[in-house]
């Protein structure tokens, strides 16, 4: 089951250009396309004539035209016309609420009348010129909740990402987890350490000495249905760590929009919003390339983990204090699912 009365990132704007885009979200096959004035619309990826995927069609005169027999559909899921045929009496297919905001296309898989755009999580970094963003998209063959677990417990960085952002001090630093309504926050602070390779690069690119002692922080925020935003950074030691002035630190937000596809696969929209040198496009590209390699390491681990869980479905998994962020996030998801059914 999935939380369907919620907003999910469905695509990046350039994915929905001249051609329609087919994508399965929360178990529902959808097709996205740009209609009147370039506005994005989404309907079931199912032609009511013969059941062909509408995503194999094309857009013409603001209509989505089936590539099988030419049935033209409107953005509300209504059949409009077809060469030589009367089709306006066809039953409508499902249409979805869609919003294009913050550099993403969002969809509400549930009841369209319940879709309030005000419920989309505010992203200050996406509208503030003092921030820059670069990211990408991975299709990952595992339960979306495994990715939430992964992101709410960064202990794995020491092992999975040893050559980039991992270091032994992550294991040694105490972890704090708290819940504020439907918001889970897991924090880890490391003072007086050496920066790992990725953060040395970030310091250097921010015109700061990379080889001095630093204070490092990781603050993971889970918001339902499946968003994880992580405040990360390093500052030259002795200046206040997380609260240090911008002149002595490199800070960013790791952006993770995790959109379920099926019970064992999801779309992972990843990126990093940084609060230094926002106009430096070369830096944006370098960070995006580095981060993409880091997340590809997660993908390999998570997909193999999913296969093990499918192979041994009855095995009980151990839970430690470092798992608290993921455990609390799942509890919120389970509660909201129960409310959805009720």
C-alpha atoms as a PDB file:
ATOM      1  CA  UNK A   1       0.000   0.000   0.000  1.00  0.00           C
ATOM      2  CA  UNK A   2       1.033   3.588  -0.600  1.00  0.00           C
ATOM      3  CA  UNK A   3       0.069   6.972   0.762  1.00  0.00           C
ATOM      4  CA  UNK A   4      -1.919   8.254  -2.209  1.00  0.00           C
ATOM      5  CA  UNK A   5      -3.443  11.368  -0.653  1.00  0.00           C
ATOM      6  CA  UNK A   6      -0.121  13.194  -0.893  1.00  0.00           C
ATOM      7  CA  UNK A   7       2.160  15.053  -3.291  1.00  0.00           C
ATOM      8  CA  UNK A   8       5.085  13.192  -4.881  1.00  0.00           C
ATOM      9  CA  UNK A   9       7.786  14.379  -7.245  1.00  0.00           C
ATOM     10  CA  UNK A  10       6.852  12.700 -10.524  1.00  0.00           C
ATOM     11  CA  UNK A  11       9.387  14.078 -12.988  1.00  0.00           C
ATOM     12  CA  UNK A  12      11.794  16.853 -13.796  1.00  0.00           C
ATOM     13  CA  UNK A  13      10.459  19.513 -16.178  1.00  0.00           C
ATOM     14  CA  UNK A  14      12.741  18.588 -19.063  1.00  0.00           C
ATOM     15  CA  UNK A  15      11.413  15.008 -18.990  1.00  0.00           C
ATOM     16  CA  UNK A  16       8.018  16.301 -20.101  1.00  0.00           C
ATOM     17  CA  UNK A  17       8.801  18.273 -23.239  1.00  0.00           C
ATOM     18  CA  UNK A  18       7.428  17.615 -26.716  1.00  0.00           C
ATOM     19  CA  UNK A  19       6.664  13.937 -26.107  1.00  0.00           C
ATOM     20  CA  UNK A  20       4.446  12.431 -23.401  1.00  0.00           C
ATOM     21  CA  UNK A  21       6.136  10.653 -20.489  1.00  0.00           C
ATOM     22  CA  UNK A  22       4.869   7.364 -19.101  1.00  0.00           C
ATOM     23  CA  UNK A  23       5.642   6.674 -15.436  1.00  0.00           C
ATOM     24  CA  UNK A  24       4.262   4.339 -12.784  1.00  0.00           C
ATOM     25  CA  UNK A  25       3.775   6.042  -9.410  1.00  0.00           C
ATOM     26  CA  UNK A  26       2.327   4.357  -6.323  1.00  0.00           C
ATOM     27  CA  UNK A  27       1.331   1.417  -8.508  1.00  0.00           C
ATOM     28  CA  UNK A  28      -0.615   3.576 -10.970  1.00  0.00           C
ATOM     29  CA  UNK A  29       0.417   3.910 -14.615  1.00  0.00           C
ATOM     30  CA  UNK A  30       0.280   7.578 -15.595  1.00  0.00           C
ATOM     31  CA  UNK A  31       1.181   9.621 -18.621  1.00  0.00           C
ATOM     32  CA  UNK A  32       2.368  13.215 -18.326  1.00  0.00           C
ATOM     33  CA  UNK A  33       2.248  15.721 -21.168  1.00  0.00           C
ATOM     34  CA  UNK A  34       2.108  19.452 -21.787  1.00  0.00           C
ATOM     35  CA  UNK A  35      -1.216  20.793 -22.985  1.00  0.00           C
ATOM     36  CA  UNK A  36      -2.527  24.309 -23.352  1.00  0.00           C
ATOM     37  CA  UNK A  37       0.092  26.966 -22.665  1.00  0.00           C
ATOM     38  CA  UNK A  38       2.685  24.327 -21.824  1.00  0.00           C
ATOM     39  CA  UNK A  39       0.892  23.361 -18.628  1.00  0.00           C
ATOM     40  CA  UNK A  40       1.572  19.809 -17.462  1.00  0.00           C
ATOM     41  CA  UNK A  41      -1.341  17.371 -17.241  1.00  0.00           C
ATOM     42  CA  UNK A  42      -1.497  13.717 -16.185  1.00  0.00           C
ATOM     43  CA  UNK A  43      -4.015  10.972 -16.954  1.00  0.00           C
ATOM     44  CA  UNK A  44      -4.094   7.194 -16.803  1.00  0.00           C
ATOM     45  CA  UNK A  45      -1.722   5.627 -19.296  1.00  0.00           C
ATOM     46  CA  UNK A  46      -4.626   3.717 -20.849  1.00  0.00           C
ATOM     47  CA  UNK A  47      -6.515   4.482 -24.035  1.00  0.00           C
ATOM     48  CA  UNK A  48     -10.246   3.812 -23.500  1.00  0.00           C
ATOM     49  CA  UNK A  49     -10.559   2.539 -27.079  1.00  0.00           C
ATOM     50  CA  UNK A  50      -8.296  -0.548 -27.050  1.00  0.00           C
ATOM     51  CA  UNK A  51      -6.227  -0.154 -23.907  1.00  0.00           C
ATOM     52  CA  UNK A  52      -3.025   0.981 -25.615  1.00  0.00           C
ATOM     53  CA  UNK A  53      -0.543   3.057 -23.580  1.00  0.00           C
ATOM     54  CA  UNK A  54      -1.192   6.710 -24.285  1.00  0.00           C
ATOM     55  CA  UNK A  55       2.474   7.384 -23.502  1.00  0.00           C
ATOM     56  CA  UNK A  56       3.280   5.861 -26.902  1.00  0.00           C
ATOM     57  CA  UNK A  57       1.292   8.610 -28.581  1.00  0.00           C
ATOM     58  CA  UNK A  58       1.974  12.285 -29.201  1.00  0.00           C
ATOM     59  CA  UNK A  59       0.663  15.768 -28.391  1.00  0.00           C
ATOM     60  CA  UNK A  60      -1.187  17.762 -31.032  1.00  0.00           C
ATOM     61  CA  UNK A  61      -3.281  20.911 -30.579  1.00  0.00           C
ATOM     62  CA  UNK A  62      -3.018  20.561 -26.799  1.00  0.00           C
ATOM     63  CA  UNK A  63      -4.517  17.045 -26.980  1.00  0.00           C
ATOM     64  CA  UNK A  64      -2.903  13.722 -26.104  1.00  0.00           C
ATOM     65  CA  UNK A  65      -3.308  11.529 -29.198  1.00  0.00           C
ATOM     66  CA  UNK A  66      -3.137   7.753 -28.912  1.00  0.00           C
ATOM     67  CA  UNK A  67      -0.435   6.304 -31.136  1.00  0.00           C
ATOM     68  CA  UNK A  68      -2.555   3.234 -31.974  1.00  0.00           C
ATOM     69  CA  UNK A  69      -5.713   4.561 -33.665  1.00  0.00           C
ATOM     70  CA  UNK A  70      -5.556   8.333 -33.148  1.00  0.00           C
ATOM     71  CA  UNK A  71      -8.058   8.828 -30.318  1.00  0.00           C
ATOM     72  CA  UNK A  72      -7.458  12.316 -28.887  1.00  0.00           C
ATOM     73  CA  UNK A  73      -7.784  12.798 -25.118  1.00  0.00           C
ATOM     74  CA  UNK A  74      -8.180  15.951 -23.043  1.00  0.00           C
ATOM     75  CA  UNK A  75      -6.334  16.786 -19.836  1.00  0.00           C
ATOM     76  CA  UNK A  76      -9.385  15.810 -17.739  1.00  0.00           C
ATOM     77  CA  UNK A  77      -9.337  12.271 -19.151  1.00  0.00           C
ATOM     78  CA  UNK A  78     -12.212  12.815 -21.595  1.00  0.00           C
ATOM     79  CA  UNK A  79     -12.174  11.436 -25.138  1.00  0.00           C
ATOM     80  CA  UNK A  80     -12.456  14.400 -27.521  1.00  0.00           C
ATOM     81  CA  UNK A  81     -12.262  13.162 -31.096  1.00  0.00           C
ATOM     82  CA  UNK A  82     -11.023  10.442 -33.436  1.00  0.00           C
ATOM     83  CA  UNK A  83     -10.835  10.364 -37.245  1.00  0.00           C
ATOM     84  CA  UNK A  84     -14.174   9.207 -38.663  1.00  0.00           C
ATOM     85  CA  UNK A  85     -15.579   8.128 -35.290  1.00  0.00           C
ATOM     86  CA  UNK A  86     -17.956   9.383 -32.590  1.00  0.00           C
ATOM     87  CA  UNK A  87     -16.130   9.055 -29.282  1.00  0.00           C
ATOM     88  CA  UNK A  88     -17.371  11.791 -26.983  1.00  0.00           C
ATOM     89  CA  UNK A  89     -19.620   9.288 -25.221  1.00  0.00           C
ATOM     90  CA  UNK A  90     -16.635   7.211 -24.099  1.00  0.00           C
ATOM     91  CA  UNK A  91     -16.238   6.980 -20.293  1.00  0.00           C
ATOM     92  CA  UNK A  92     -13.490   9.202 -18.952  1.00  0.00           C
ATOM     93  CA  UNK A  93     -10.242   7.781 -17.697  1.00  0.00           C
ATOM     94  CA  UNK A  94      -8.700   8.967 -14.434  1.00  0.00           C
ATOM     95  CA  UNK A  95      -6.908  12.293 -14.392  1.00  0.00           C
ATOM     96  CA  UNK A  96      -4.483  13.486 -11.713  1.00  0.00           C
ATOM     97  CA  UNK A  97      -3.745  16.762  -9.994  1.00  0.00           C
ATOM     98  CA  UNK A  98      -0.361  18.083 -11.151  1.00  0.00           C
ATOM     99  CA  UNK A  99       1.739  21.060 -10.080  1.00  0.00           C
ATOM    100  CA  UNK A 100       5.007  22.342 -11.532  1.00  0.00           C
ATOM    101  CA  UNK A 101       6.898  24.000  -8.713  1.00  0.00           C
ATOM    102  CA  UNK A 102      10.448  24.376  -7.324  1.00  0.00           C
ATOM    103  CA  UNK A 103      11.970  22.853 -10.473  1.00  0.00           C
ATOM    104  CA  UNK A 104       9.961  19.610 -10.231  1.00  0.00           C
ATOM    105  CA  UNK A 105       6.672  18.206 -11.503  1.00  0.00           C
ATOM    106  CA  UNK A 106       4.503  16.999  -8.611  1.00  0.00           C
ATOM    107  CA  UNK A 107       1.552  14.613  -8.782  1.00  0.00           C
ATOM    108  CA  UNK A 108      -1.215  13.638  -6.334  1.00  0.00           C
ATOM    109  CA  UNK A 109      -2.049   9.945  -7.002  1.00  0.00           C
ATOM    110  CA  UNK A 110      -5.172   9.990  -4.825  1.00  0.00           C
ATOM    111  CA  UNK A 111      -8.490  11.793  -5.030  1.00  0.00           C
ATOM    112  CA  UNK A 112      -8.034  14.818  -7.244  1.00  0.00           C
ATOM    113  CA  UNK A 113     -10.452  16.968  -5.271  1.00  0.00           C
ATOM    114  CA  UNK A 114      -8.343  16.541  -2.132  1.00  0.00           C
ATOM    115  CA  UNK A 115      -5.163  17.810  -3.806  1.00  0.00           C
ATOM    116  CA  UNK A 116      -4.284  21.127  -2.168  1.00  0.00           C
ATOM    117  CA  UNK A 117      -1.154  22.727  -3.718  1.00  0.00           C
ATOM    118  CA  UNK A 118      -0.508  24.434  -0.374  1.00  0.00           C
ATOM    119  CA  UNK A 119       0.427  21.004   1.004  1.00  0.00           C
ATOM    120  CA  UNK A 120       3.544  20.811  -1.178  1.00  0.00           C
ATOM    121  CA  UNK A 121       6.538  21.075   1.139  1.00  0.00           C
ATOM    122  CA  UNK A 122       8.076  24.561   0.931  1.00  0.00           C
ATOM    123  CA  UNK A 123      11.622  24.531  -0.477  1.00  0.00           C
ATOM    124  CA  UNK A 124      13.350  27.789   0.418  1.00  0.00           C
ATOM    125  CA  UNK A 125      16.535  26.832  -1.421  1.00  0.00           C
ATOM    126  CA  UNK A 126      14.591  26.496  -4.678  1.00  0.00           C
ATOM    127  CA  UNK A 127      13.369  30.105  -4.647  1.00  0.00           C
ATOM    128  CA  UNK A 128      16.251  31.896  -2.900  1.00  0.00           C
ATOM    129  CA  UNK A 129      19.005  33.188  -5.235  1.00  0.00           C
ATOM    130  CA  UNK A 130      21.576  32.677  -2.469  1.00  0.00           C
ATOM    131  CA  UNK A 131      21.287  28.922  -3.088  1.00  0.00           C
ATOM    132  CA  UNK A 132      22.236  26.736  -6.057  1.00  0.00           C
ATOM    133  CA  UNK A 133      20.881  23.275  -6.897  1.00  0.00           C
ATOM    134  CA  UNK A 134      22.062  20.386  -9.026  1.00  0.00           C
ATOM    135  CA  UNK A 135      20.672  16.859  -9.099  1.00  0.00           C
ATOM    136  CA  UNK A 136      19.508  13.838 -11.035  1.00  0.00           C
ATOM    137  CA  UNK A 137      17.217  10.818 -11.130  1.00  0.00           C
ATOM    138  CA  UNK A 138      17.803   7.121 -10.489  1.00  0.00           C
ATOM    139  CA  UNK A 139      15.386   4.217 -10.870  1.00  0.00           C
ATOM    140  CA  UNK A 140      16.081   1.876  -7.953  1.00  0.00           C
ATOM    141  CA  UNK A 141      14.768  -1.663  -7.622  1.00  0.00           C
ATOM    142  CA  UNK A 142      13.889  -1.726  -3.952  1.00  0.00           C
ATOM    143  CA  UNK A 143      11.075  -0.825  -1.574  1.00  0.00           C
ATOM    144  CA  UNK A 144      11.062   2.960  -1.165  1.00  0.00           C
ATOM    145  CA  UNK A 145      11.112   2.541   2.612  1.00  0.00           C
ATOM    146  CA  UNK A 146      14.555   0.945   2.420  1.00  0.00           C
ATOM    147  CA  UNK A 147      15.824   4.205   0.930  1.00  0.00           C
ATOM    148  CA  UNK A 148      14.218   6.145   3.783  1.00  0.00           C
ATOM    149  CA  UNK A 149      15.981   3.843   6.253  1.00  0.00           C
ATOM    150  CA  UNK A 150      19.248   4.433   4.411  1.00  0.00           C
ATOM    151  CA  UNK A 151      18.947   8.211   4.505  1.00  0.00           C
ATOM    152  CA  UNK A 152      17.759   8.478   8.100  1.00  0.00           C
ATOM    153  CA  UNK A 153      20.785   6.499   9.327  1.00  0.00           C
ATOM    154  CA  UNK A 154      24.018   7.800   7.827  1.00  0.00           C
ATOM    155  CA  UNK A 155      26.223   5.333   9.704  1.00  0.00           C
ATOM    156  CA  UNK A 156      26.541   3.464   6.420  1.00  0.00           C
ATOM    157  CA  UNK A 157      28.639   6.305   4.983  1.00  0.00           C
ATOM    158  CA  UNK A 158      31.713   4.975   6.795  1.00  0.00           C
ATOM    159  CA  UNK A 159      31.471   1.730   4.841  1.00  0.00           C
ATOM    160  CA  UNK A 160      29.526   2.290   1.611  1.00  0.00           C
ATOM    161  CA  UNK A 161      31.116   5.684   0.866  1.00  0.00           C
ATOM    162  CA  UNK A 162      34.560   5.236   2.408  1.00  0.00           C
ATOM    163  CA  UNK A 163      36.324   7.074  -0.436  1.00  0.00           C
ATOM    164  CA  UNK A 164      34.172  10.209  -0.483  1.00  0.00           C
ATOM    165  CA  UNK A 165      32.075  11.212   2.546  1.00  0.00           C
ATOM    166  CA  UNK A 166      32.667   8.336   4.957  1.00  0.00           C
ATOM    167  CA  UNK A 167      34.920   8.448   8.030  1.00  0.00           C
ATOM    168  CA  UNK A 168      35.213   6.538  11.297  1.00  0.00           C
ATOM    169  CA  UNK A 169      34.087   9.536  13.351  1.00  0.00           C
ATOM    170  CA  UNK A 170      30.550   9.010  12.012  1.00  0.00           C
ATOM    171  CA  UNK A 171      30.389   5.702  13.884  1.00  0.00           C
ATOM    172  CA  UNK A 172      31.756   7.268  17.035  1.00  0.00           C
ATOM    173  CA  UNK A 173      29.485  10.319  17.233  1.00  0.00           C
ATOM    174  CA  UNK A 174      26.261   9.976  19.275  1.00  0.00           C
ATOM    175  CA  UNK A 175      22.973  10.043  17.372  1.00  0.00           C
ATOM    176  CA  UNK A 176      19.896  11.963  18.488  1.00  0.00           C
ATOM    177  CA  UNK A 177      16.399  11.306  17.093  1.00  0.00           C
ATOM    178  CA  UNK A 178      13.224  13.247  17.862  1.00  0.00           C
ATOM    179  CA  UNK A 179       9.710  13.375  16.444  1.00  0.00           C
ATOM    180  CA  UNK A 180       7.732  16.589  16.011  1.00  0.00           C
ATOM    181  CA  UNK A 181       4.285  15.649  14.709  1.00  0.00           C
ATOM    182  CA  UNK A 182       4.893  13.962  11.336  1.00  0.00           C
ATOM    183  CA  UNK A 183       8.454  15.289  11.170  1.00  0.00           C
ATOM    184  CA  UNK A 184      11.375  13.036  12.202  1.00  0.00           C
ATOM    185  CA  UNK A 185      14.785  14.603  12.886  1.00  0.00           C
ATOM    186  CA  UNK A 186      17.982  12.598  13.338  1.00  0.00           C
ATOM    187  CA  UNK A 187      21.148  14.557  14.180  1.00  0.00           C
ATOM    188  CA  UNK A 188      24.841  13.821  14.432  1.00  0.00           C
ATOM    189  CA  UNK A 189      27.598  16.352  15.211  1.00  0.00           C
ATOM    190  CA  UNK A 190      31.330  15.679  14.931  1.00  0.00           C
ATOM    191  CA  UNK A 191      33.732  18.270  16.340  1.00  0.00           C
ATOM    192  CA  UNK A 192      37.465  18.610  15.810  1.00  0.00           C
ATOM    193  CA  UNK A 193      37.913  16.113  12.964  1.00  0.00           C
ATOM    194  CA  UNK A 194      39.513  16.026   9.526  1.00  0.00           C
ATOM    195  CA  UNK A 195      37.165  16.562   6.594  1.00  0.00           C
ATOM    196  CA  UNK A 196      36.671  13.547   4.251  1.00  0.00           C
ATOM    197  CA  UNK A 197      37.571  13.929   0.538  1.00  0.00           C
ATOM    198  CA  UNK A 198      34.206  15.282  -0.654  1.00  0.00           C
ATOM    199  CA  UNK A 199      34.115  17.988   2.010  1.00  0.00           C
ATOM    200  CA  UNK A 200      37.763  18.881   1.460  1.00  0.00           C
ATOM    201  CA  UNK A 201      36.788  19.570  -2.149  1.00  0.00           C
ATOM    202  CA  UNK A 202      33.825  21.683  -1.030  1.00  0.00           C
ATOM    203  CA  UNK A 203      36.016  23.747   1.303  1.00  0.00           C
ATOM    204  CA  UNK A 204      38.596  24.264  -1.409  1.00  0.00           C
ATOM    205  CA  UNK A 205      35.971  25.355  -3.920  1.00  0.00           C
ATOM    206  CA  UNK A 206      34.642  27.796  -1.330  1.00  0.00           C
ATOM    207  CA  UNK A 207      38.147  29.324  -1.021  1.00  0.00           C
ATOM    208  CA  UNK A 208      38.687  27.783   2.427  1.00  0.00           C
ATOM    209  CA  UNK A 209      41.608  25.708   3.685  1.00  0.00           C
ATOM    210  CA  UNK A 210      40.706  22.026   3.172  1.00  0.00           C
ATOM    211  CA  UNK A 211      43.313  20.438   5.435  1.00  0.00           C
ATOM    212  CA  UNK A 212      42.503  21.998   8.808  1.00  0.00           C
ATOM    213  CA  UNK A 213      40.428  20.609  11.646  1.00  0.00           C
ATOM    214  CA  UNK A 214      36.689  21.015  11.111  1.00  0.00           C
ATOM    215  CA  UNK A 215      33.362  20.560  12.836  1.00  0.00           C
ATOM    216  CA  UNK A 216      30.895  18.471  10.806  1.00  0.00           C
ATOM    217  CA  UNK A 217      27.138  18.007  11.068  1.00  0.00           C
ATOM    218  CA  UNK A 218      24.391  15.815   9.609  1.00  0.00           C
ATOM    219  CA  UNK A 219      20.754  16.620  10.368  1.00  0.00           C
ATOM    220  CA  UNK A 220      18.246  14.351   8.600  1.00  0.00           C
ATOM    221  CA  UNK A 221      14.623  15.468   8.193  1.00  0.00           C
ATOM    222  CA  UNK A 222      11.877  13.032   7.171  1.00  0.00           C
ATOM    223  CA  UNK A 223       8.552  14.442   5.958  1.00  0.00           C
ATOM    224  CA  UNK A 224       5.713  12.235   4.692  1.00  0.00           C
ATOM    225  CA  UNK A 225       4.954  10.766   2.340  1.00  0.00           C
ATOM    226  CA  UNK A 226       8.625  10.004   1.576  1.00  0.00           C
ATOM    227  CA  UNK A 227      10.831  13.109   1.472  1.00  0.00           C
ATOM    228  CA  UNK A 228      14.194  13.264   3.238  1.00  0.00           C
ATOM    229  CA  UNK A 229      16.134  16.531   3.355  1.00  0.00           C
ATOM    230  CA  UNK A 230      19.531  16.421   5.057  1.00  0.00           C
ATOM    231  CA  UNK A 231      21.413  19.455   6.335  1.00  0.00           C
ATOM    232  CA  UNK A 232      25.113  18.726   5.959  1.00  0.00           C
ATOM    233  CA  UNK A 233      28.323  20.694   6.138  1.00  0.00           C
ATOM    234  CA  UNK A 234      31.691  21.419   7.690  1.00  0.00           C
ATOM    235  CA  UNK A 235      33.131  24.532   9.298  1.00  0.00           C
ATOM    236  CA  UNK A 236      36.633  25.368  10.402  1.00  0.00           C
ATOM    237  CA  UNK A 237      36.780  24.179  13.999  1.00  0.00           C
ATOM    238  CA  UNK A 238      36.199  26.611  16.829  1.00  0.00           C
ATOM    239  CA  UNK A 239      33.741  28.894  15.037  1.00  0.00           C
ATOM    240  CA  UNK A 240      30.455  27.375  16.177  1.00  0.00           C
ATOM    241  CA  UNK A 241      30.060  24.384  13.869  1.00  0.00           C
ATOM    242  CA  UNK A 242      26.525  24.384  12.440  1.00  0.00           C
ATOM    243  CA  UNK A 243      26.060  27.981  13.623  1.00  0.00           C
ATOM    244  CA  UNK A 244      29.405  29.214  12.255  1.00  0.00           C
ATOM    245  CA  UNK A 245      29.369  32.221   9.902  1.00  0.00           C
ATOM    246  CA  UNK A 246      29.281  31.519   6.173  1.00  0.00           C
ATOM    247  CA  UNK A 247      32.812  32.831   5.796  1.00  0.00           C
ATOM    248  CA  UNK A 248      34.299  29.731   7.467  1.00  0.00           C
ATOM    249  CA  UNK A 249      32.023  26.907   6.354  1.00  0.00           C
ATOM    250  CA  UNK A 250      30.621  24.949   3.426  1.00  0.00           C
ATOM    251  CA  UNK A 251      26.999  23.929   4.004  1.00  0.00           C
ATOM    252  CA  UNK A 252      24.382  22.231   1.877  1.00  0.00           C
ATOM    253  CA  UNK A 253      21.085  20.384   1.898  1.00  0.00           C
ATOM    254  CA  UNK A 254      21.036  16.888   0.429  1.00  0.00           C
ATOM    255  CA  UNK A 255      17.712  16.622  -1.386  1.00  0.00           C
ATOM    256  CA  UNK A 256      15.988  13.231  -1.552  1.00  0.00           C
ATOM    257  CA  UNK A 257      12.537  12.843  -3.084  1.00  0.00           C
ATOM    258  CA  UNK A 258      11.646   9.153  -2.987  1.00  0.00           C
ATOM    259  CA  UNK A 259       8.639   8.289  -5.146  1.00  0.00           C
ATOM    260  CA  UNK A 260       7.279   4.718  -4.990  1.00  0.00           C
ATOM    261  CA  UNK A 261       6.788   2.925  -8.290  1.00  0.00           C
ATOM    262  CA  UNK A 262       5.862  -0.590  -7.132  1.00  0.00           C
ATOM    263  CA  UNK A 263       6.252  -2.513  -3.876  1.00  0.00           C
ATOM    264  CA  UNK A 264       9.873  -3.221  -4.822  1.00  0.00           C
ATOM    265  CA  UNK A 265      10.942  -0.212  -6.899  1.00  0.00           C
ATOM    266  CA  UNK A 266      10.980   3.575  -6.728  1.00  0.00           C
ATOM    267  CA  UNK A 267      12.055   6.754  -8.482  1.00  0.00           C
ATOM    268  CA  UNK A 268      14.823   8.541  -6.619  1.00  0.00           C
ATOM    269  CA  UNK A 269      15.176  12.268  -7.316  1.00  0.00           C
ATOM    270  CA  UNK A 270      18.474  13.245  -5.698  1.00  0.00           C
ATOM    271  CA  UNK A 271      20.429  16.454  -5.535  1.00  0.00           C
ATOM    272  CA  UNK A 272      22.266  18.983  -3.429  1.00  0.00           C
ATOM    273  CA  UNK A 273      21.311  22.565  -2.673  1.00  0.00           C
ATOM    274  CA  UNK A 274      24.327  24.548  -1.503  1.00  0.00           C
ATOM    275  CA  UNK A 275      24.617  27.838   0.288  1.00  0.00           C
ATOM    276  CA  UNK A 276      27.938  29.004  -1.112  1.00  0.00           C
ATOM    277  CA  UNK A 277      29.008  30.314  -4.533  1.00  0.00           C
ATOM    278  CA  UNK A 278      25.521  29.886  -6.016  1.00  0.00           C
ATOM    279  CA  UNK A 279      26.520  31.397  -9.392  1.00  0.00           C
ATOM    280  CA  UNK A 280      29.385  28.943  -9.975  1.00  0.00           C
ATOM    281  CA  UNK A 281      27.955  26.525 -12.559  1.00  0.00           C
ATOM    282  CA  UNK A 282      31.219  24.569 -12.765  1.00  0.00           C
ATOM    283  CA  UNK A 283      31.027  23.893  -9.038  1.00  0.00           C
ATOM    284  CA  UNK A 284      27.408  22.799  -9.397  1.00  0.00           C
ATOM    285  CA  UNK A 285      28.428  20.293 -12.073  1.00  0.00           C
ATOM    286  CA  UNK A 286      31.354  18.953 -10.023  1.00  0.00           C
ATOM    287  CA  UNK A 287      29.215  18.459  -6.936  1.00  0.00           C
ATOM    288  CA  UNK A 288      26.451  16.812  -8.981  1.00  0.00           C
ATOM    289  CA  UNK A 289      28.938  14.403 -10.575  1.00  0.00           C
ATOM    290  CA  UNK A 290      30.456  13.534  -7.209  1.00  0.00           C
ATOM    291  CA  UNK A 291      27.094  13.085  -5.573  1.00  0.00           C
ATOM    292  CA  UNK A 292      25.833  10.953  -8.437  1.00  0.00           C
ATOM    293  CA  UNK A 293      28.692   8.510  -7.876  1.00  0.00           C
ATOM    294  CA  UNK A 294      27.952   8.410  -4.154  1.00  0.00           C
ATOM    295  CA  UNK A 295      24.279   7.618  -4.719  1.00  0.00           C
ATOM    296  CA  UNK A 296      25.122   4.937  -7.273  1.00  0.00           C
ATOM    297  CA  UNK A 297      26.926   3.142  -4.436  1.00  0.00           C
ATOM    298  CA  UNK A 298      23.716   3.294  -2.385  1.00  0.00           C
ATOM    299  CA  UNK A 299      21.733   1.906  -5.306  1.00  0.00           C
ATOM    300  CA  UNK A 300      23.907  -1.195  -5.588  1.00  0.00           C
ATOM    301  CA  UNK A 301      23.654  -1.909  -1.858  1.00  0.00           C
ATOM    302  CA  UNK A 302      19.894  -1.309  -1.622  1.00  0.00           C
ATOM    303  CA  UNK A 303      19.007  -3.428  -4.646  1.00  0.00           C
ATOM    304  CA  UNK A 304      21.013  -6.344  -3.283  1.00  0.00           C
ATOM    305  CA  UNK A 305      19.431  -5.821   0.142  1.00  0.00           C
ATOM    306  CA  UNK A 306      15.970  -6.010  -1.467  1.00  0.00           C
ATOM    307  CA  UNK A 307      16.843  -9.297  -3.139  1.00  0.00           C
ATOM    308  CA  UNK A 308      17.958 -10.756   0.190  1.00  0.00           C
ATOM    309  CA  UNK A 309      14.732  -9.655   1.879  1.00  0.00           C
ATOM    310  CA  UNK A 310      12.679 -11.250  -0.885  1.00  0.00           C
ATOM    311  CA  UNK A 311      14.709 -14.436  -0.603  1.00  0.00           C
ATOM    312  CA  UNK A 312      14.227 -14.674   3.170  1.00  0.00           C
ATOM    313  CA  UNK A 313      10.924 -12.892   3.871  1.00  0.00           C
ATOM    314  CA  UNK A 314      10.414 -14.423   7.323  1.00  0.00           C
ATOM    315  CA  UNK A 315      13.736 -13.389   8.826  1.00  0.00           C
ATOM    316  CA  UNK A 316      13.490 -10.795  11.576  1.00  0.00           C
ATOM    317  CA  UNK A 317      15.857  -7.827  11.215  1.00  0.00           C
ATOM    318  CA  UNK A 318      17.754  -6.417  14.180  1.00  0.00           C
ATOM    319  CA  UNK A 319      17.111  -2.856  15.348  1.00  0.00           C
ATOM    320  CA  UNK A 320      19.756  -0.699  16.998  1.00  0.00           C
ATOM    321  CA  UNK A 321      19.757   2.859  18.329  1.00  0.00           C
ATOM    322  CA  UNK A 322      21.147   4.079  14.991  1.00  0.00           C
ATOM    323  CA  UNK A 323      17.945   2.801  13.313  1.00  0.00           C
ATOM    324  CA  UNK A 324      15.662   5.111  15.305  1.00  0.00           C
ATOM    325  CA  UNK A 325      15.199   7.652  12.494  1.00  0.00           C
ATOM    326  CA  UNK A 326      14.031   5.015  10.025  1.00  0.00           C
ATOM    327  CA  UNK A 327      11.871   3.253  12.614  1.00  0.00           C
ATOM    328  CA  UNK A 328      10.087   6.472  13.568  1.00  0.00           C
ATOM    329  CA  UNK A 329       9.603   7.410   9.911  1.00  0.00           C
ATOM    330  CA  UNK A 330       8.010   4.041   9.178  1.00  0.00           C
ATOM    331  CA  UNK A 331       5.699   4.430  12.165  1.00  0.00           C
ATOM    332  CA  UNK A 332       4.425   7.694  10.727  1.00  0.00           C
ATOM    333  CA  UNK A 333       3.909   6.097   7.309  1.00  0.00           C
ATOM    334  CA  UNK A 334       2.037   3.150   8.900  1.00  0.00           C
ATOM    335  CA  UNK A 335      -0.194   5.475  10.923  1.00  0.00           C
ATOM    336  CA  UNK A 336      -1.040   7.605   7.893  1.00  0.00           C
ATOM    337  CA  UNK A 337      -1.773   4.465   5.860  1.00  0.00           C
ATOM    338  CA  UNK A 338      -4.164   3.255   8.563  1.00  0.00           C
ATOM    339  CA  UNK A 339      -5.899   6.656   8.533  1.00  0.00           C
ATOM    340  CA  UNK A 340      -6.134   6.507   4.743  1.00  0.00           C
ATOM    341  CA  UNK A 341      -7.851   3.112   4.868  1.00  0.00           C
ATOM    342  CA  UNK A 342     -10.099   4.215   7.742  1.00  0.00           C
END
